[in-house]
Amino acid sequence: MKKETIEGNKLIAIFMGYECFNPKSWCIVLDKNTTTGINTWAKYNSSWDWLMPVVEKIESLGFRVEIIGLTCSIYTNSEENIYVDEPAMTKTEATWQAVVEFIKWYNSQTHNP
């Protein structure tokens, strides 16, 4: 797995409230709110089941996520465009890339994880 993917998955895991351990080539997600935890490989980059709760959290914060074809855009309520993804190979990849860039922006706006 590429370093960019590992770091992106780690960023998403932290945004979602998990601890992420980053061994040599994977991000292991541990839910710090339970005693059992998730304790599995992060799959944000490859699974809608993992990625859609992230999209829902972003929307719950007052942002609009628009997924059309092989692109994903994220907007503020005032329609300011935070991130528009270039067309990707898959819808999952486009959404993952947009989410990672959004979280970087969000964290830079004093919303530290």
PDB file of N, CA and C in Angstrom:
ATOM      1  N   MET A   1       0.847  -1.176   0.000  1.00  0.00           N
ATOM      2  CA  MET A   1       0.000   0.000   0.000  1.00  0.00           C
ATOM      3  C   MET A   1       0.893   1.240   0.000  1.00  0.00           C
ATOM      4  N   LYS A   2       0.526   2.239  -0.783  1.00  0.00           N
ATOM      5  CA  LYS A   2       1.305   3.466  -0.886  1.00  0.00           C
ATOM      6  C   LYS A   2       1.298   4.230   0.435  1.00  0.00           C
ATOM      7  N   LYS A   3       2.403   4.939   0.687  1.00  0.00           N
ATOM      8  CA  LYS A   3       2.516   5.751   1.895  1.00  0.00           C
ATOM      9  C   LYS A   3       1.390   6.789   1.959  1.00  0.00           C
ATOM     10  N   GLU A   4       1.037   7.393   0.807  1.00  0.00           N
ATOM     11  CA  GLU A   4      -0.039   8.390   0.741  1.00  0.00           C
ATOM     12  C   GLU A   4      -1.364   7.787   1.213  1.00  0.00           C
ATOM     13  N   THR A   5      -1.630   6.554   0.830  1.00  0.00           N
ATOM     14  CA  THR A   5      -2.868   5.878   1.233  1.00  0.00           C
ATOM     15  C   THR A   5      -2.866   5.596   2.729  1.00  0.00           C
ATOM     16  N   ILE A   6      -1.755   5.134   3.240  1.00  0.00           N
ATOM     17  CA  ILE A   6      -1.643   4.848   4.678  1.00  0.00           C
ATOM     18  C   ILE A   6      -1.860   6.120   5.483  1.00  0.00           C
ATOM     19  N   GLU A   7      -1.195   7.206   5.072  1.00  0.00           N
ATOM     20  CA  GLU A   7      -1.325   8.476   5.792  1.00  0.00           C
ATOM     21  C   GLU A   7      -2.744   9.033   5.680  1.00  0.00           C
ATOM     22  N   GLY A   8      -3.362   8.892   4.511  1.00  0.00           N
ATOM     23  CA  GLY A   8      -4.741   9.346   4.343  1.00  0.00           C
ATOM     24  C   GLY A   8      -5.701   8.571   5.224  1.00  0.00           C
ATOM     25  N   ASN A   9      -5.541   7.253   5.270  1.00  0.00           N
ATOM     26  CA  ASN A   9      -6.391   6.427   6.127  1.00  0.00           C
ATOM     27  C   ASN A   9      -6.188   6.774   7.604  1.00  0.00           C
ATOM     28  N   LYS A  10      -4.955   7.063   7.976  1.00  0.00           N
ATOM     29  CA  LYS A  10      -4.667   7.453   9.356  1.00  0.00           C
ATOM     30  C   LYS A  10      -5.358   8.778   9.690  1.00  0.00           C
ATOM     31  N   LEU A  11      -5.281   9.743   8.784  1.00  0.00           N
ATOM     32  CA  LEU A  11      -5.925  11.039   8.981  1.00  0.00           C
ATOM     33  C   LEU A  11      -7.433  10.869   9.155  1.00  0.00           C
ATOM     34  N   ILE A  12      -8.040  10.032   8.317  1.00  0.00           N
ATOM     35  CA  ILE A  12      -9.485   9.797   8.406  1.00  0.00           C
ATOM     36  C   ILE A  12      -9.831   9.120   9.722  1.00  0.00           C
ATOM     37  N   ALA A  13      -9.063   8.114  10.119  1.00  0.00           N
ATOM     38  CA  ALA A  13      -9.335   7.387  11.368  1.00  0.00           C
ATOM     39  C   ALA A  13      -9.334   8.337  12.558  1.00  0.00           C
ATOM     40  N   ILE A  14      -8.355   9.229  12.612  1.00  0.00           N
ATOM     41  CA  ILE A  14      -8.271  10.186  13.715  1.00  0.00           C
ATOM     42  C   ILE A  14      -9.473  11.140  13.672  1.00  0.00           C
ATOM     43  N   PHE A  15      -9.850  11.605  12.468  1.00  0.00           N
ATOM     44  CA  PHE A  15     -11.019  12.472  12.297  1.00  0.00           C
ATOM     45  C   PHE A  15     -12.283  11.776  12.811  1.00  0.00           C
ATOM     46  N   MET A  16     -12.359  10.475  12.644  1.00  0.00           N
ATOM     47  CA  MET A  16     -13.529   9.702  13.073  1.00  0.00           C
ATOM     48  C   MET A  16     -13.472   9.333  14.555  1.00  0.00           C
ATOM     49  N   GLY A  17     -12.408   9.728  15.252  1.00  0.00           N
ATOM     50  CA  GLY A  17     -12.316   9.487  16.683  1.00  0.00           C
ATOM     51  C   GLY A  17     -11.616   8.212  17.077  1.00  0.00           C
ATOM     52  N   TYR A  18     -10.892   7.621  16.139  1.00  0.00           N
ATOM     53  CA  TYR A  18     -10.168   6.384  16.424  1.00  0.00           C
ATOM     54  C   TYR A  18      -8.687   6.672  16.650  1.00  0.00           C
ATOM     55  N   GLU A  19      -8.039   5.740  17.275  1.00  0.00           N
ATOM     56  CA  GLU A  19      -6.581   5.763  17.338  1.00  0.00           C
ATOM     57  C   GLU A  19      -6.102   4.941  16.158  1.00  0.00           C
ATOM     58  N   CYS A  20      -5.038   5.382  15.548  1.00  0.00           N
ATOM     59  CA  CYS A  20      -4.533   4.664  14.387  1.00  0.00           C
ATOM     60  C   CYS A  20      -3.069   4.364  14.600  1.00  0.00           C
ATOM     61  N   PHE A  21      -2.755   3.094  14.594  1.00  0.00           N
ATOM     62  CA  PHE A  21      -1.376   2.661  14.734  1.00  0.00           C
ATOM     63  C   PHE A  21      -0.844   2.399  13.344  1.00  0.00           C
ATOM     64  N   ASN A  22       0.318   2.887  13.069  1.00  0.00           N
ATOM     65  CA  ASN A  22       0.856   2.837  11.719  1.00  0.00           C
ATOM     66  C   ASN A  22       2.124   1.989  11.667  1.00  0.00           C
ATOM     67  N   PRO A  23       1.947   0.668  11.640  1.00  0.00           N
ATOM     68  CA  PRO A  23       3.141  -0.159  11.462  1.00  0.00           C
ATOM     69  C   PRO A  23       3.757   0.090  10.088  1.00  0.00           C
ATOM     70  N   LYS A  24       4.658  -0.713   9.674  1.00  0.00           N
ATOM     71  CA  LYS A  24       5.429  -0.469   8.460  1.00  0.00           C
ATOM     72  C   LYS A  24       4.584  -0.161   7.228  1.00  0.00           C
ATOM     73  N   SER A  25       3.491  -0.859   7.023  1.00  0.00           N
ATOM     74  CA  SER A  25       2.771  -0.635   5.771  1.00  0.00           C
ATOM     75  C   SER A  25       1.250  -0.606   5.897  1.00  0.00           C
ATOM     76  N   TRP A  26       0.700  -0.536   7.104  1.00  0.00           N
ATOM     77  CA  TRP A  26      -0.753  -0.536   7.257  1.00  0.00           C
ATOM     78  C   TRP A  26      -1.160   0.414   8.372  1.00  0.00           C
ATOM     79  N   CYS A  27      -2.387   0.805   8.366  1.00  0.00           N
ATOM     80  CA  CYS A  27      -2.960   1.606   9.448  1.00  0.00           C
ATOM     81  C   CYS A  27      -3.960   0.720  10.169  1.00  0.00           C
ATOM     82  N   ILE A  28      -3.714   0.412  11.430  1.00  0.00           N
ATOM     83  CA  ILE A  28      -4.630  -0.398  12.226  1.00  0.00           C
ATOM     84  C   ILE A  28      -5.478   0.544  13.061  1.00  0.00           C
ATOM     85  N   VAL A  29      -6.795   0.399  12.968  1.00  0.00           N
ATOM     86  CA  VAL A  29      -7.725   1.291  13.650  1.00  0.00           C
ATOM     87  C   VAL A  29      -8.173   0.653  14.950  1.00  0.00           C
ATOM     88  N   LEU A  30      -8.079   1.403  16.035  1.00  0.00           N
ATOM     89  CA  LEU A  30      -8.535   0.947  17.341  1.00  0.00           C
ATOM     90  C   LEU A  30      -9.517   1.964  17.887  1.00  0.00           C
ATOM     91  N   ASP A  31     -10.719   1.511  18.197  1.00  0.00           N
ATOM     92  CA  ASP A  31     -11.746   2.391  18.747  1.00  0.00           C
ATOM     93  C   ASP A  31     -11.431   2.640  20.210  1.00  0.00           C
ATOM     94  N   LYS A  32     -11.040   3.871  20.546  1.00  0.00           N
ATOM     95  CA  LYS A  32     -10.647   4.169  21.918  1.00  0.00           C
ATOM     96  C   LYS A  32     -11.844   4.360  22.842  1.00  0.00           C
ATOM     97  N   ASN A  33     -13.069   4.290  22.287  1.00  0.00           N
ATOM     98  CA  ASN A  33     -14.270   4.468  23.096  1.00  0.00           C
ATOM     99  C   ASN A  33     -14.844   3.154  23.612  1.00  0.00           C
ATOM    100  N   THR A  34     -14.267   2.042  23.222  1.00  0.00           N
ATOM    101  CA  THR A  34     -14.750   0.754  23.698  1.00  0.00           C
ATOM    102  C   THR A  34     -13.575  -0.065  24.206  1.00  0.00           C
ATOM    103  N   THR A  35     -13.878  -1.092  24.963  1.00  0.00           N
ATOM    104  CA  THR A  35     -12.800  -1.943  25.451  1.00  0.00           C
ATOM    105  C   THR A  35     -12.398  -2.978  24.405  1.00  0.00           C
ATOM    106  N   THR A  36     -13.317  -3.328  23.527  1.00  0.00           N
ATOM    107  CA  THR A  36     -12.991  -4.323  22.513  1.00  0.00           C
ATOM    108  C   THR A  36     -12.345  -3.698  21.299  1.00  0.00           C
ATOM    109  N   GLY A  37     -12.835  -2.518  20.877  1.00  0.00           N
ATOM    110  CA  GLY A  37     -12.258  -1.814  19.751  1.00  0.00           C
ATOM    111  C   GLY A  37     -12.538  -2.479  18.418  1.00  0.00           C
ATOM    112  N   ILE A  38     -12.155  -1.794  17.365  1.00  0.00           N
ATOM    113  CA  ILE A  38     -12.292  -2.324  16.019  1.00  0.00           C
ATOM    114  C   ILE A  38     -11.090  -3.187  15.698  1.00  0.00           C
ATOM    115  N   ASN A  39      -9.917  -2.663  15.957  1.00  0.00           N
ATOM    116  CA  ASN A  39      -8.664  -3.386  15.804  1.00  0.00           C
ATOM    117  C   ASN A  39      -8.574  -4.130  14.475  1.00  0.00           C
ATOM    118  N   THR A  40      -8.622  -3.387  13.407  1.00  0.00           N
ATOM    119  CA  THR A  40      -8.533  -3.977  12.073  1.00  0.00           C
ATOM    120  C   THR A  40      -7.818  -3.011  11.140  1.00  0.00           C
ATOM    121  N   TRP A  41      -7.479  -3.464   9.948  1.00  0.00           N
ATOM    122  CA  TRP A  41      -6.848  -2.603   8.955  1.00  0.00           C
ATOM    123  C   TRP A  41      -7.850  -1.547   8.506  1.00  0.00           C
ATOM    124  N   ALA A  42      -7.417  -0.330   8.367  1.00  0.00           N
ATOM    125  CA  ALA A  42      -8.277   0.735   7.863  1.00  0.00           C
ATOM    126  C   ALA A  42      -8.560   0.488   6.384  1.00  0.00           C
ATOM    127  N   LYS A  43      -9.819   0.612   6.004  1.00  0.00           N
ATOM    128  CA  LYS A  43     -10.226   0.332   4.627  1.00  0.00           C
ATOM    129  C   LYS A  43     -10.955   1.513   3.997  1.00  0.00           C
ATOM    130  N   TYR A  44     -10.682   2.719   4.484  1.00  0.00           N
ATOM    131  CA  TYR A  44     -11.368   3.900   3.966  1.00  0.00           C
ATOM    132  C   TYR A  44     -11.157   4.065   2.466  1.00  0.00           C
ATOM    133  N   ASN A  45      -9.987   3.711   1.978  1.00  0.00           N
ATOM    134  CA  ASN A  45      -9.659   3.898   0.564  1.00  0.00           C
ATOM    135  C   ASN A  45     -10.279   2.848  -0.351  1.00  0.00           C
ATOM    136  N   SER A  46     -10.857   1.792   0.209  1.00  0.00           N
ATOM    137  CA  SER A  46     -11.345   0.705  -0.649  1.00  0.00           C
ATOM    138  C   SER A  46     -12.748   0.221  -0.324  1.00  0.00           C
ATOM    139  N   SER A  47     -13.391   0.750   0.711  1.00  0.00           N
ATOM    140  CA  SER A  47     -14.689   0.228   1.126  1.00  0.00           C
ATOM    141  C   SER A  47     -15.695   1.349   1.368  1.00  0.00           C
ATOM    142  N   TRP A  48     -16.831   1.286   0.667  1.00  0.00           N
ATOM    143  CA  TRP A  48     -17.910   2.242   0.918  1.00  0.00           C
ATOM    144  C   TRP A  48     -18.421   2.117   2.344  1.00  0.00           C
ATOM    145  N   ASP A  49     -18.409   0.909   2.901  1.00  0.00           N
ATOM    146  CA  ASP A  49     -18.871   0.706   4.276  1.00  0.00           C
ATOM    147  C   ASP A  49     -18.032   1.505   5.266  1.00  0.00           C
ATOM    148  N   TRP A  50     -16.765   1.715   4.970  1.00  0.00           N
ATOM    149  CA  TRP A  50     -15.897   2.521   5.812  1.00  0.00           C
ATOM    150  C   TRP A  50     -15.991   4.006   5.464  1.00  0.00           C
ATOM    151  N   LEU A  51     -16.113   4.305   4.171  1.00  0.00           N
ATOM    152  CA  LEU A  51     -16.034   5.682   3.707  1.00  0.00           C
ATOM    153  C   LEU A  51     -17.320   6.479   3.925  1.00  0.00           C
ATOM    154  N   MET A  52     -18.467   5.864   3.760  1.00  0.00           N
ATOM    155  CA  MET A  52     -19.724   6.608   3.858  1.00  0.00           C
ATOM    156  C   MET A  52     -19.984   7.201   5.248  1.00  0.00           C
ATOM    157  N   PRO A  53     -19.643   6.533   6.354  1.00  0.00           N
ATOM    158  CA  PRO A  53     -19.797   7.204   7.654  1.00  0.00           C
ATOM    159  C   PRO A  53     -18.950   8.483   7.762  1.00  0.00           C
ATOM    160  N   VAL A  54     -17.833   8.525   7.058  1.00  0.00           N
ATOM    161  CA  VAL A  54     -16.997   9.730   7.048  1.00  0.00           C
ATOM    162  C   VAL A  54     -17.720  10.846   6.301  1.00  0.00           C
ATOM    163  N   VAL A  55     -18.299  10.513   5.150  1.00  0.00           N
ATOM    164  CA  VAL A  55     -19.080  11.476   4.379  1.00  0.00           C
ATOM    165  C   VAL A  55     -20.233  12.002   5.238  1.00  0.00           C
ATOM    166  N   GLU A  56     -20.908  11.101   5.938  1.00  0.00           N
ATOM    167  CA  GLU A  56     -22.030  11.502   6.800  1.00  0.00           C
ATOM    168  C   GLU A  56     -21.574  12.424   7.924  1.00  0.00           C
ATOM    169  N   LYS A  57     -20.397  12.168   8.490  1.00  0.00           N
ATOM    170  CA  LYS A  57     -19.883  13.042   9.548  1.00  0.00           C
ATOM    171  C   LYS A  57     -19.586  14.431   8.984  1.00  0.00           C
ATOM    172  N   ILE A  58     -18.983  14.476   7.803  1.00  0.00           N
ATOM    173  CA  ILE A  58     -18.691  15.768   7.176  1.00  0.00           C
ATOM    174  C   ILE A  58     -19.989  16.542   6.952  1.00  0.00           C
ATOM    175  N   GLU A  59     -21.024  15.855   6.473  1.00  0.00           N
ATOM    176  CA  GLU A  59     -22.312  16.506   6.257  1.00  0.00           C
ATOM    177  C   GLU A  59     -22.941  16.964   7.575  1.00  0.00           C
ATOM    178  N   SER A  60     -22.743  16.188   8.634  1.00  0.00           N
ATOM    179  CA  SER A  60     -23.302  16.567   9.942  1.00  0.00           C
ATOM    180  C   SER A  60     -22.639  17.826  10.504  1.00  0.00           C
ATOM    181  N   LEU A  61     -21.459  18.157   9.998  1.00  0.00           N
ATOM    182  CA  LEU A  61     -20.748  19.363  10.418  1.00  0.00           C
ATOM    183  C   LEU A  61     -21.188  20.588   9.615  1.00  0.00           C
ATOM    184  N   GLY A  62     -22.144  20.398   8.698  1.00  0.00           N
ATOM    185  CA  GLY A  62     -22.684  21.516   7.936  1.00  0.00           C
ATOM    186  C   GLY A  62     -22.105  21.691   6.545  1.00  0.00           C
ATOM    187  N   PHE A  63     -21.391  20.714   6.061  1.00  0.00           N
ATOM    188  CA  PHE A  63     -20.819  20.780   4.720  1.00  0.00           C
ATOM    189  C   PHE A  63     -21.641  19.910   3.778  1.00  0.00           C
ATOM    190  N   ARG A  64     -21.558  20.210   2.486  1.00  0.00           N
ATOM    191  CA  ARG A  64     -22.277  19.422   1.486  1.00  0.00           C
ATOM    192  C   ARG A  64     -21.272  18.631   0.664  1.00  0.00           C
ATOM    193  N   VAL A  65     -21.498  17.330   0.573  1.00  0.00           N
ATOM    194  CA  VAL A  65     -20.646  16.455  -0.220  1.00  0.00           C
ATOM    195  C   VAL A  65     -21.433  16.060  -1.461  1.00  0.00           C
ATOM    196  N   GLU A  66     -20.838  16.286  -2.604  1.00  0.00           N
ATOM    197  CA  GLU A  66     -21.491  15.990  -3.872  1.00  0.00           C
ATOM    198  C   GLU A  66     -20.630  14.998  -4.648  1.00  0.00           C
ATOM    199  N   ILE A  67     -21.172  13.801  -4.859  1.00  0.00           N
ATOM    200  CA  ILE A  67     -20.466  12.757  -5.593  1.00  0.00           C
ATOM    201  C   ILE A  67     -21.192  12.560  -6.919  1.00  0.00           C
ATOM    202  N   ILE A  68     -20.506  12.870  -7.999  1.00  0.00           N
ATOM    203  CA  ILE A  68     -21.095  12.734  -9.330  1.00  0.00           C
ATOM    204  C   ILE A  68     -20.101  12.018 -10.228  1.00  0.00           C
ATOM    205  N   GLY A  69     -20.522  10.895 -10.745  1.00  0.00           N
ATOM    206  CA  GLY A  69     -19.629  10.137 -11.619  1.00  0.00           C
ATOM    207  C   GLY A  69     -18.352   9.772 -10.887  1.00  0.00           C
ATOM    208  N   LEU A  70     -17.224  10.163 -11.463  1.00  0.00           N
ATOM    209  CA  LEU A  70     -15.932   9.851 -10.865  1.00  0.00           C
ATOM    210  C   LEU A  70     -15.299  11.077 -10.212  1.00  0.00           C
ATOM    211  N   THR A  71     -16.139  11.996  -9.727  1.00  0.00           N
ATOM    212  CA  THR A  71     -15.644  13.180  -9.021  1.00  0.00           C
ATOM    213  C   THR A  71     -16.388  13.359  -7.706  1.00  0.00           C
ATOM    214  N   CYS A  72     -15.762  14.070  -6.792  1.00  0.00           N
ATOM    215  CA  CYS A  72     -16.378  14.380  -5.503  1.00  0.00           C
ATOM    216  C   CYS A  72     -15.992  15.805  -5.137  1.00  0.00           C
ATOM    217  N   SER A  73     -16.992  16.592  -4.752  1.00  0.00           N
ATOM    218  CA  SER A  73     -16.769  17.980  -4.333  1.00  0.00           C
ATOM    219  C   SER A  73     -17.341  18.164  -2.937  1.00  0.00           C
ATOM    220  N   ILE A  74     -16.718  19.038  -2.157  1.00  0.00           N
ATOM    221  CA  ILE A  74     -17.198  19.348  -0.816  1.00  0.00           C
ATOM    222  C   ILE A  74     -17.342  20.858  -0.711  1.00  0.00           C
ATOM    223  N   TYR A  75     -18.511  21.314  -0.229  1.00  0.00           N
ATOM    224  CA  TYR A  75     -18.852  22.730  -0.163  1.00  0.00           C
ATOM    225  C   TYR A  75     -19.257  23.126   1.250  1.00  0.00           C
ATOM    226  N   THR A  76     -19.082  24.414   1.563  1.00  0.00           N
ATOM    227  CA  THR A  76     -19.631  24.974   2.793  1.00  0.00           C
ATOM    228  C   THR A  76     -21.099  25.299   2.547  1.00  0.00           C
ATOM    229  N   ASN A  77     -21.817  25.689   3.600  1.00  0.00           N
ATOM    230  CA  ASN A  77     -23.222  26.085   3.443  1.00  0.00           C
ATOM    231  C   ASN A  77     -23.377  27.280   2.522  1.00  0.00           C
ATOM    232  N   SER A  78     -22.371  28.140   2.473  1.00  0.00           N
ATOM    233  CA  SER A  78     -22.431  29.316   1.610  1.00  0.00           C
ATOM    234  C   SER A  78     -21.973  29.001   0.184  1.00  0.00           C
ATOM    235  N   GLU A  79     -21.871  27.707  -0.117  1.00  0.00           N
ATOM    236  CA  GLU A  79     -21.489  27.227  -1.443  1.00  0.00           C
ATOM    237  C   GLU A  79     -20.031  27.510  -1.797  1.00  0.00           C
ATOM    238  N   GLU A  80     -19.228  27.869  -0.791  1.00  0.00           N
ATOM    239  CA  GLU A  80     -17.794  27.996  -1.045  1.00  0.00           C
ATOM    240  C   GLU A  80     -17.261  26.602  -1.320  1.00  0.00           C
ATOM    241  N   ASN A  81     -16.532  26.481  -2.394  1.00  0.00           N
ATOM    242  CA  ASN A  81     -15.993  25.191  -2.777  1.00  0.00           C
ATOM    243  C   ASN A  81     -14.713  24.924  -1.994  1.00  0.00           C
ATOM    244  N   ILE A  82     -14.755  23.918  -1.130  1.00  0.00           N
ATOM    245  CA  ILE A  82     -13.571  23.569  -0.352  1.00  0.00           C
ATOM    246  C   ILE A  82     -12.668  22.652  -1.158  1.00  0.00           C
ATOM    247  N   TYR A  83     -13.262  21.697  -1.827  1.00  0.00           N
ATOM    248  CA  TYR A  83     -12.452  20.757  -2.584  1.00  0.00           C
ATOM    249  C   TYR A  83     -13.252  20.188  -3.737  1.00  0.00           C
ATOM    250  N   VAL A  84     -12.693  20.235  -4.915  1.00  0.00           N
ATOM    251  CA  VAL A  84     -13.260  19.559  -6.077  1.00  0.00           C
ATOM    252  C   VAL A  84     -12.204  18.603  -6.575  1.00  0.00           C
ATOM    253  N   ASP A  85     -12.544  17.357  -6.610  1.00  0.00           N
ATOM    254  CA  ASP A  85     -11.606  16.341  -7.030  1.00  0.00           C
ATOM    255  C   ASP A  85     -11.528  16.277  -8.547  1.00  0.00           C
ATOM    256  N   GLU A  86     -10.351  16.037  -9.027  1.00  0.00           N
ATOM    257  CA  GLU A  86     -10.182  15.732 -10.448  1.00  0.00           C
ATOM    258  C   GLU A  86     -10.770  14.341 -10.680  1.00  0.00           C
ATOM    259  N   PRO A  87     -11.230  14.061 -11.874  1.00  0.00           N
ATOM    260  CA  PRO A  87     -11.774  12.719 -12.121  1.00  0.00           C
ATOM    261  C   PRO A  87     -10.765  11.639 -11.724  1.00  0.00           C
ATOM    262  N   ALA A  88     -11.267  10.617 -11.054  1.00  0.00           N
ATOM    263  CA  ALA A  88     -10.424   9.528 -10.565  1.00  0.00           C
ATOM    264  C   ALA A  88     -10.767   8.242 -11.308  1.00  0.00           C
ATOM    265  N   MET A  89     -10.079   7.186 -10.958  1.00  0.00           N
ATOM    266  CA  MET A  89     -10.323   5.894 -11.595  1.00  0.00           C
ATOM    267  C   MET A  89     -11.649   5.286 -11.144  1.00  0.00           C
ATOM    268  N   THR A  90     -12.002   5.512  -9.872  1.00  0.00           N
ATOM    269  CA  THR A  90     -13.246   4.957  -9.330  1.00  0.00           C
ATOM    270  C   THR A  90     -13.942   6.000  -8.472  1.00  0.00           C
ATOM    271  N   LYS A  91     -15.215   5.808  -8.234  1.00  0.00           N
ATOM    272  CA  LYS A  91     -15.994   6.708  -7.374  1.00  0.00           C
ATOM    273  C   LYS A  91     -15.438   6.675  -5.947  1.00  0.00           C
ATOM    274  N   THR A  92     -15.053   5.498  -5.475  1.00  0.00           N
ATOM    275  CA  THR A  92     -14.484   5.367  -4.132  1.00  0.00           C
ATOM    276  C   THR A  92     -13.191   6.167  -4.025  1.00  0.00           C
ATOM    277  N   GLU A  93     -12.323   6.055  -5.031  1.00  0.00           N
ATOM    278  CA  GLU A  93     -11.052   6.780  -5.020  1.00  0.00           C
ATOM    279  C   GLU A  93     -11.283   8.286  -5.015  1.00  0.00           C
ATOM    280  N   ALA A  94     -12.215   8.751  -5.840  1.00  0.00           N
ATOM    281  CA  ALA A  94     -12.510  10.187  -5.895  1.00  0.00           C
ATOM    282  C   ALA A  94     -13.014  10.696  -4.549  1.00  0.00           C
ATOM    283  N   THR A  95     -13.894   9.934  -3.934  1.00  0.00           N
ATOM    284  CA  THR A  95     -14.464  10.340  -2.647  1.00  0.00           C
ATOM    285  C   THR A  95     -13.398  10.306  -1.568  1.00  0.00           C
ATOM    286  N   TRP A  96     -12.577   9.272  -1.554  1.00  0.00           N
ATOM    287  CA  TRP A  96     -11.498   9.154  -0.568  1.00  0.00           C
ATOM    288  C   TRP A  96     -10.551  10.350  -0.685  1.00  0.00           C
ATOM    289  N   GLN A  97     -10.161  10.691  -1.908  1.00  0.00           N
ATOM    290  CA  GLN A  97      -9.242  11.820  -2.107  1.00  0.00           C
ATOM    291  C   GLN A  97      -9.858  13.127  -1.619  1.00  0.00           C
ATOM    292  N   ALA A  98     -11.128  13.346  -1.927  1.00  0.00           N
ATOM    293  CA  ALA A  98     -11.801  14.568  -1.496  1.00  0.00           C
ATOM    294  C   ALA A  98     -11.902  14.634   0.017  1.00  0.00           C
ATOM    295  N   VAL A  99     -12.226  13.507   0.646  1.00  0.00           N
ATOM    296  CA  VAL A  99     -12.353  13.450   2.107  1.00  0.00           C
ATOM    297  C   VAL A  99     -11.006  13.759   2.773  1.00  0.00           C
ATOM    298  N   VAL A 100      -9.932  13.180   2.262  1.00  0.00           N
ATOM    299  CA  VAL A 100      -8.605  13.426   2.834  1.00  0.00           C
ATOM    300  C   VAL A 100      -8.246  14.907   2.723  1.00  0.00           C
ATOM    301  N   GLU A 101      -8.464  15.505   1.564  1.00  0.00           N
ATOM    302  CA  GLU A 101      -8.151  16.921   1.389  1.00  0.00           C
ATOM    303  C   GLU A 101      -9.047  17.801   2.253  1.00  0.00           C
ATOM    304  N   PHE A 102     -10.314  17.422   2.386  1.00  0.00           N
ATOM    305  CA  PHE A 102     -11.214  18.175   3.261  1.00  0.00           C
ATOM    306  C   PHE A 102     -10.711  18.139   4.701  1.00  0.00           C
ATOM    307  N   ILE A 103     -10.340  16.966   5.193  1.00  0.00           N
ATOM    308  CA  ILE A 103      -9.888  16.840   6.588  1.00  0.00           C
ATOM    309  C   ILE A 103      -8.627  17.675   6.818  1.00  0.00           C
ATOM    310  N   LYS A 104      -7.720  17.689   5.852  1.00  0.00           N
ATOM    311  CA  LYS A 104      -6.528  18.537   5.986  1.00  0.00           C
ATOM    312  C   LYS A 104      -6.950  20.003   6.120  1.00  0.00           C
ATOM    313  N   TRP A 105      -7.870  20.442   5.271  1.00  0.00           N
ATOM    314  CA  TRP A 105      -8.363  21.814   5.339  1.00  0.00           C
ATOM    315  C   TRP A 105      -9.069  22.069   6.670  1.00  0.00           C
ATOM    316  N   TYR A 106      -9.952  21.173   7.053  1.00  0.00           N
ATOM    317  CA  TYR A 106     -10.732  21.307   8.284  1.00  0.00           C
ATOM    318  C   TYR A 106      -9.811  21.424   9.496  1.00  0.00           C
ATOM    319  N   ASN A 107      -8.809  20.565   9.564  1.00  0.00           N
ATOM    320  CA  ASN A 107      -7.859  20.621  10.677  1.00  0.00           C
ATOM    321  C   ASN A 107      -7.079  21.924  10.696  1.00  0.00           C
ATOM    322  N   SER A 108      -6.814  22.485   9.528  1.00  0.00           N
ATOM    323  CA  SER A 108      -6.072  23.745   9.470  1.00  0.00           C
ATOM    324  C   SER A 108      -6.917  24.944   9.899  1.00  0.00           C
ATOM    325  N   GLN A 109      -8.222  24.756   9.996  1.00  0.00           N
ATOM    326  CA  GLN A 109      -9.131  25.829  10.396  1.00  0.00           C
ATOM    327  C   GLN A 109      -9.347  25.856  11.911  1.00  0.00           C
ATOM    328  N   THR A 110      -8.374  25.381  12.662  1.00  0.00           N
ATOM    329  CA  THR A 110      -8.358  25.323  14.131  1.00  0.00           C
ATOM    330  C   THR A 110      -9.241  24.225  14.703  1.00  0.00           C
ATOM    331  N   HIS A 111      -9.693  23.294  13.880  1.00  0.00           N
ATOM    332  CA  HIS A 111     -10.449  22.148  14.361  1.00  0.00           C
ATOM    333  C   HIS A 111      -9.475  20.985  14.529  1.00  0.00           C
ATOM    334  N   ASN A 112      -8.631  21.064  15.497  1.00  0.00           N
ATOM    335  CA  ASN A 112      -7.622  20.022  15.694  1.00  0.00           C
ATOM    336  C   ASN A 112      -8.262  18.752  16.229  1.00  0.00           C
ATOM    337  N   PRO A 113      -7.813  17.604  15.690  1.00  0.00           N
ATOM    338  CA  PRO A 113      -8.391  16.321  16.142  1.00  0.00           C
ATOM    339  C   PRO A 113      -8.051  16.003  17.577  1.00  0.00           C
TER     340      PRO A 113
END
